[in-house]
Amino acid sequence: MADAPKRHMKDAIYETYLGQIQRGELTHEDRLVDTVIAEEFQVSRMPVRDALMRLTHEGYLESTTRGFALPNMGQRQILEIFELRRLLEPRAAALATSELTDANLAELGR
């Protein structure tokens, strides 16, 4: 990945770790340390920090004294998230599909 332009490395790092989080490849015991990731991607710490801070701002990670880690949520927080998703996602899906044409629907069917 070191051959990609530097300005895009923060996006590549972000997408790499977002994918690992979404696939459940990271656990609460894993610590993401910017210097280690920078060495892995052969970049400076700045694109790594940008990517990890973006993941933090989006709620996927939290900053700790030893790097970044998955947030430790309690059962109540998890239930609240699923309740919000239950309320919001049907409306979001309806809005996303409200402008579909018959041609769009046919393409989705394929």
Protein backbone atom coordinates (compact mmCIF):
# COMPACT_ATOMS: atom_id res chain seq x y z
CA MET A 1 0.00 0.00 0.00
CA ALA A 2 3.01 2.28 0.29
CA ASP A 3 2.85 3.09 -3.44
CA ALA A 4 -0.48 4.98 -3.14
CA PRO A 5 -0.25 8.79 -3.04
CA LYS A 6 0.29 10.10 0.50
CA ARG A 7 -2.83 12.28 0.40
CA HIS A 8 -4.96 9.16 -0.03
CA MET A 9 -3.24 7.04 2.59
CA LYS A 10 -5.43 8.36 5.40
CA ASP A 11 -8.46 7.12 3.45
CA ALA A 12 -6.86 3.73 2.79
CA ILE A 13 -5.96 3.37 6.47
CA TYR A 14 -9.46 4.48 7.51
CA GLU A 15 -11.11 1.97 5.17
CA THR A 16 -8.77 -0.84 6.28
CA TYR A 17 -9.57 -0.40 9.96
CA LEU A 18 -13.26 0.37 9.42
CA GLY A 19 -13.51 -2.92 7.54
CA GLN A 20 -11.73 -4.78 10.33
CA ILE A 21 -14.09 -3.27 12.89
CA GLN A 22 -17.19 -4.09 10.85
CA ARG A 23 -16.04 -7.67 10.24
CA GLY A 24 -15.35 -8.18 13.95
CA GLU A 25 -11.62 -8.69 13.40
CA LEU A 26 -10.70 -6.28 16.22
CA THR A 27 -11.47 -7.02 19.86
CA HIS A 28 -11.56 -4.85 22.98
CA GLU A 29 -8.08 -6.12 23.82
CA ASP A 30 -6.60 -4.79 20.56
CA ARG A 31 -4.82 -1.45 20.76
CA LEU A 32 -4.25 0.56 17.61
CA VAL A 33 -1.00 2.49 18.00
CA ASP A 34 -0.28 5.15 15.41
CA THR A 35 3.47 4.50 15.22
CA VAL A 36 2.95 0.79 14.59
CA ILE A 37 0.34 1.43 11.90
CA ALA A 38 2.53 4.12 10.31
CA GLU A 39 5.35 1.62 10.04
CA GLU A 40 3.01 -1.03 8.59
CA PHE A 41 1.77 1.37 5.88
CA GLN A 42 5.20 3.01 5.48
CA VAL A 43 3.85 6.52 6.07
CA SER A 44 4.28 9.23 8.67
CA ARG A 45 2.06 9.30 11.75
CA MET A 46 -0.16 12.10 10.38
CA PRO A 47 -2.30 10.09 7.92
CA VAL A 48 -2.64 7.39 10.57
CA ARG A 49 -3.72 9.91 13.22
CA ASP A 50 -6.20 11.44 10.76
CA ALA A 51 -7.72 8.04 10.01
CA LEU A 52 -7.89 6.98 13.68
CA MET A 53 -9.36 10.33 14.73
CA ARG A 54 -12.01 10.03 12.02
CA LEU A 55 -12.92 6.58 13.34
CA THR A 56 -13.04 8.06 16.83
CA HIS A 57 -15.30 10.94 15.78
CA GLU A 58 -17.63 8.46 14.09
CA GLY A 59 -17.84 6.40 17.30
CA TYR A 60 -15.96 3.33 16.08
CA LEU A 61 -12.94 3.88 18.34
CA GLU A 62 -12.04 5.71 21.50
CA SER A 63 -8.74 7.30 22.37
CA THR A 64 -6.87 5.76 25.30
CA THR A 65 -3.54 6.48 26.96
CA ARG A 66 -2.09 3.50 25.05
CA GLY A 67 -3.52 4.18 21.59
CA PHE A 68 -7.00 3.65 20.23
CA ALA A 69 -9.45 0.86 21.05
CA LEU A 70 -13.02 -0.22 20.48
CA PRO A 71 -15.42 1.57 22.81
CA ASN A 72 -16.58 -0.50 25.75
CA MET A 73 -20.37 -0.22 25.64
CA GLY A 74 -22.75 -1.59 28.18
CA GLN A 75 -25.88 -3.54 27.34
CA ARG A 76 -28.08 -0.47 27.79
CA GLN A 77 -26.05 1.54 25.25
CA ILE A 78 -26.19 -1.32 22.76
CA LEU A 79 -29.97 -1.62 23.15
CA GLU A 80 -30.36 2.15 22.68
CA ILE A 81 -28.36 1.99 19.45
CA PHE A 82 -30.50 -0.84 18.09
CA GLU A 83 -33.67 1.02 19.07
CA LEU A 84 -32.52 4.14 17.24
CA ARG A 85 -31.60 2.07 14.19
CA ARG A 86 -35.02 0.39 14.29
CA LEU A 87 -36.65 3.82 14.20
CA LEU A 88 -34.38 5.48 11.63
CA GLU A 89 -33.51 2.82 9.08
CA PRO A 90 -36.98 2.23 7.59
CA ARG A 91 -37.35 5.96 6.96
CA ALA A 92 -33.85 6.19 5.49
CA ALA A 93 -34.58 3.27 3.16
CA ALA A 94 -37.85 4.85 2.08
CA LEU A 95 -36.15 8.16 1.32
CA ALA A 96 -33.34 6.43 -0.56
CA THR A 97 -35.75 4.55 -2.80
CA SER A 98 -38.40 7.25 -3.29
CA GLU A 99 -36.81 8.48 -6.53
CA LEU A 100 -36.16 5.08 -8.12
CA THR A 101 -37.44 4.60 -11.65
CA ASP A 102 -38.60 1.33 -13.16
CA ALA A 103 -35.22 1.09 -14.89
CA ASN A 104 -33.45 1.50 -11.53
CA LEU A 105 -35.59 -1.23 -10.00
CA ALA A 106 -34.88 -3.55 -12.90
CA GLU A 107 -31.16 -2.92 -12.51
CA LEU A 108 -31.35 -3.66 -8.79
CA GLY A 109 -33.19 -6.87 -9.58
CA ARG A 110 -30.28 -8.05 -11.71
